[in-house]
Amino acid sequence: MVLTMKKRWMLAALLFACALLTACGSADVEPEGELSLVDEQGEEVSLTNKERATILFHFTEVG
């Protein structure tokens, strides 16, 4: 099987893109630090607590 120079570059680019997407797509990375916010009662709420769901509301000023 004889590949032309253009097909070789296309194959190399495709393989590079696949390798890059595979390297960037790992989802089993643990967060390095503890993520937490202060709630309306002034208590610190951990965002990495896996036992209870946390809903975040982010309000921005409009106007």
N, C-alpha and C. Protein backbone atom coordinates (compact mmCIF):
# COMPACT_ATOMS: atom_id res chain seq x y z
N MET A 1 0.84 -1.17 0.00
CA MET A 1 0.00 0.00 0.00
C MET A 1 0.89 1.24 0.00
N VAL A 2 0.73 2.03 -1.00
CA VAL A 2 1.56 3.21 -1.17
C VAL A 2 0.74 4.44 -0.77
N LEU A 3 1.26 5.18 0.20
CA LEU A 3 0.60 6.40 0.64
C LEU A 3 1.31 7.61 0.05
N THR A 4 0.55 8.53 -0.45
CA THR A 4 1.15 9.76 -0.97
C THR A 4 1.54 10.64 0.21
N MET A 5 2.31 11.65 -0.04
CA MET A 5 2.78 12.55 1.02
C MET A 5 1.61 13.26 1.69
N LYS A 6 0.60 13.66 0.93
CA LYS A 6 -0.57 14.34 1.49
C LYS A 6 -1.33 13.40 2.43
N LYS A 7 -1.49 12.15 2.04
CA LYS A 7 -2.20 11.18 2.88
C LYS A 7 -1.41 10.88 4.15
N ARG A 8 -0.09 10.86 4.06
CA ARG A 8 0.73 10.63 5.25
C ARG A 8 0.56 11.77 6.26
N TRP A 9 0.55 13.02 5.77
CA TRP A 9 0.36 14.16 6.67
C TRP A 9 -1.03 14.15 7.29
N MET A 10 -2.04 13.78 6.52
CA MET A 10 -3.39 13.70 7.04
C MET A 10 -3.50 12.62 8.11
N LEU A 11 -2.88 11.48 7.88
CA LEU A 11 -2.87 10.39 8.85
C LEU A 11 -2.12 10.80 10.11
N ALA A 12 -0.99 11.47 9.95
CA ALA A 12 -0.22 11.94 11.11
C ALA A 12 -1.02 12.96 11.91
N ALA A 13 -1.71 13.87 11.23
CA ALA A 13 -2.53 14.88 11.93
C ALA A 13 -3.68 14.21 12.67
N LEU A 14 -4.30 13.22 12.07
CA LEU A 14 -5.40 12.50 12.70
C LEU A 14 -4.92 11.75 13.94
N LEU A 15 -3.80 11.08 13.84
CA LEU A 15 -3.23 10.36 14.98
C LEU A 15 -2.83 11.32 16.10
N PHE A 16 -2.28 12.46 15.74
CA PHE A 16 -1.90 13.45 16.75
C PHE A 16 -3.14 13.98 17.46
N ALA A 17 -4.20 14.28 16.71
CA ALA A 17 -5.43 14.78 17.30
C ALA A 17 -6.05 13.75 18.24
N CYS A 18 -6.04 12.48 17.84
CA CYS A 18 -6.57 11.42 18.71
C CYS A 18 -5.75 11.29 19.99
N ALA A 19 -4.44 11.36 19.87
CA ALA A 19 -3.58 11.27 21.05
C ALA A 19 -3.80 12.46 21.98
N LEU A 20 -3.96 13.64 21.42
CA LEU A 20 -4.18 14.84 22.22
C LEU A 20 -5.52 14.77 22.95
N LEU A 21 -6.57 14.35 22.27
CA LEU A 21 -7.88 14.24 22.90
C LEU A 21 -7.90 13.16 23.97
N THR A 22 -7.20 12.08 23.76
CA THR A 22 -7.12 11.02 24.75
C THR A 22 -6.38 11.49 25.99
N ALA A 23 -5.30 12.23 25.81
CA ALA A 23 -4.51 12.72 26.94
C ALA A 23 -5.28 13.76 27.74
N CYS A 24 -6.08 14.57 27.09
CA CYS A 24 -6.81 15.64 27.78
C CYS A 24 -8.14 15.18 28.34
N GLY A 25 -8.57 13.99 28.02
CA GLY A 25 -9.91 13.57 28.39
C GLY A 25 -10.01 12.70 29.61
N SER A 26 -8.97 12.58 30.43
CA SER A 26 -9.08 11.72 31.60
C SER A 26 -9.97 12.38 32.65
N ALA A 27 -10.96 11.66 33.15
CA ALA A 27 -11.94 12.22 34.08
C ALA A 27 -11.71 11.77 35.52
N ASP A 28 -10.72 10.93 35.79
CA ASP A 28 -10.53 10.43 37.15
C ASP A 28 -9.51 11.26 37.93
N VAL A 29 -9.47 12.55 37.71
CA VAL A 29 -8.54 13.42 38.41
C VAL A 29 -9.24 13.97 39.64
N GLU A 30 -8.63 13.77 40.80
CA GLU A 30 -9.17 14.29 42.05
C GLU A 30 -8.81 15.77 42.18
N PRO A 31 -9.69 16.59 42.74
CA PRO A 31 -9.33 17.98 42.96
C PRO A 31 -8.20 18.09 43.98
N GLU A 32 -7.29 19.03 43.76
CA GLU A 32 -6.12 19.16 44.63
C GLU A 32 -6.45 19.75 45.98
N GLY A 33 -7.38 20.68 46.02
CA GLY A 33 -7.71 21.34 47.28
C GLY A 33 -9.17 21.18 47.63
N GLU A 34 -9.50 21.58 48.82
CA GLU A 34 -10.89 21.53 49.28
C GLU A 34 -11.64 22.74 48.71
N LEU A 35 -12.71 22.49 48.01
CA LEU A 35 -13.53 23.57 47.46
C LEU A 35 -14.66 23.85 48.43
N SER A 36 -14.77 25.10 48.88
CA SER A 36 -15.83 25.45 49.81
C SER A 36 -16.26 26.89 49.59
N LEU A 37 -17.50 27.17 50.00
CA LEU A 37 -18.09 28.51 49.95
C LEU A 37 -18.77 28.80 51.27
N VAL A 38 -19.08 30.05 51.51
CA VAL A 38 -19.81 30.45 52.71
C VAL A 38 -21.27 30.64 52.32
N ASP A 39 -22.17 30.00 53.07
CA ASP A 39 -23.60 30.13 52.76
C ASP A 39 -24.19 31.36 53.43
N GLU A 40 -25.53 31.52 53.29
CA GLU A 40 -26.18 32.73 53.81
C GLU A 40 -26.19 32.81 55.33
N GLN A 41 -25.98 31.70 56.03
CA GLN A 41 -25.88 31.72 57.49
C GLN A 41 -24.44 31.93 57.96
N GLY A 42 -23.50 32.08 57.04
CA GLY A 42 -22.11 32.28 57.39
C GLY A 42 -21.35 31.00 57.64
N GLU A 43 -21.98 29.85 57.37
CA GLU A 43 -21.33 28.56 57.56
C GLU A 43 -20.59 28.16 56.28
N GLU A 44 -19.47 27.50 56.46
CA GLU A 44 -18.69 27.05 55.31
C GLU A 44 -19.28 25.75 54.78
N VAL A 45 -19.55 25.72 53.48
CA VAL A 45 -20.14 24.56 52.83
C VAL A 45 -19.10 23.95 51.89
N SER A 46 -18.84 22.67 52.06
CA SER A 46 -17.87 21.97 51.21
C SER A 46 -18.53 21.58 49.90
N LEU A 47 -17.86 21.88 48.80
CA LEU A 47 -18.40 21.51 47.48
C LEU A 47 -17.93 20.13 47.05
N THR A 48 -17.04 19.53 47.81
CA THR A 48 -16.54 18.20 47.45
C THR A 48 -17.17 17.12 48.30
N ASN A 49 -18.23 17.45 49.05
CA ASN A 49 -18.95 16.47 49.87
C ASN A 49 -19.77 15.58 48.95
N LYS A 50 -19.48 14.31 48.92
CA LYS A 50 -20.16 13.39 48.00
C LYS A 50 -21.46 12.84 48.59
N GLU A 51 -21.72 13.05 49.89
CA GLU A 51 -22.90 12.47 50.52
C GLU A 51 -24.16 13.29 50.26
N ARG A 52 -24.02 14.57 50.01
CA ARG A 52 -25.18 15.45 49.85
C ARG A 52 -25.01 16.32 48.61
N ALA A 53 -26.07 16.46 47.85
CA ALA A 53 -26.03 17.30 46.64
C ALA A 53 -25.97 18.77 47.03
N THR A 54 -25.26 19.55 46.25
CA THR A 54 -25.15 20.98 46.48
C THR A 54 -25.59 21.72 45.22
N ILE A 55 -26.50 22.67 45.39
CA ILE A 55 -26.97 23.49 44.27
C ILE A 55 -26.38 24.88 44.45
N LEU A 56 -25.73 25.38 43.44
CA LEU A 56 -25.12 26.70 43.50
C LEU A 56 -25.90 27.69 42.64
N PHE A 57 -26.14 28.88 43.18
CA PHE A 57 -26.76 29.97 42.43
C PHE A 57 -25.74 31.09 42.36
N HIS A 58 -25.49 31.56 41.17
CA HIS A 58 -24.53 32.65 40.98
C HIS A 58 -25.30 33.84 40.41
N PHE A 59 -25.42 34.89 41.20
CA PHE A 59 -26.16 36.07 40.79
C PHE A 59 -25.17 37.17 40.42
N THR A 60 -25.42 37.84 39.33
CA THR A 60 -24.59 38.98 38.92
C THR A 60 -25.48 40.21 38.84
N GLU A 61 -24.87 41.35 39.07
CA GLU A 61 -25.62 42.60 39.01
C GLU A 61 -25.86 42.97 37.55
N VAL A 62 -27.07 43.34 37.24
CA VAL A 62 -27.44 43.73 35.88
C VAL A 62 -27.81 45.21 35.92
N GLY A 63 -27.24 45.95 34.99
CA GLY A 63 -27.65 47.34 34.91
C GLY A 63 -26.49 48.23 34.98
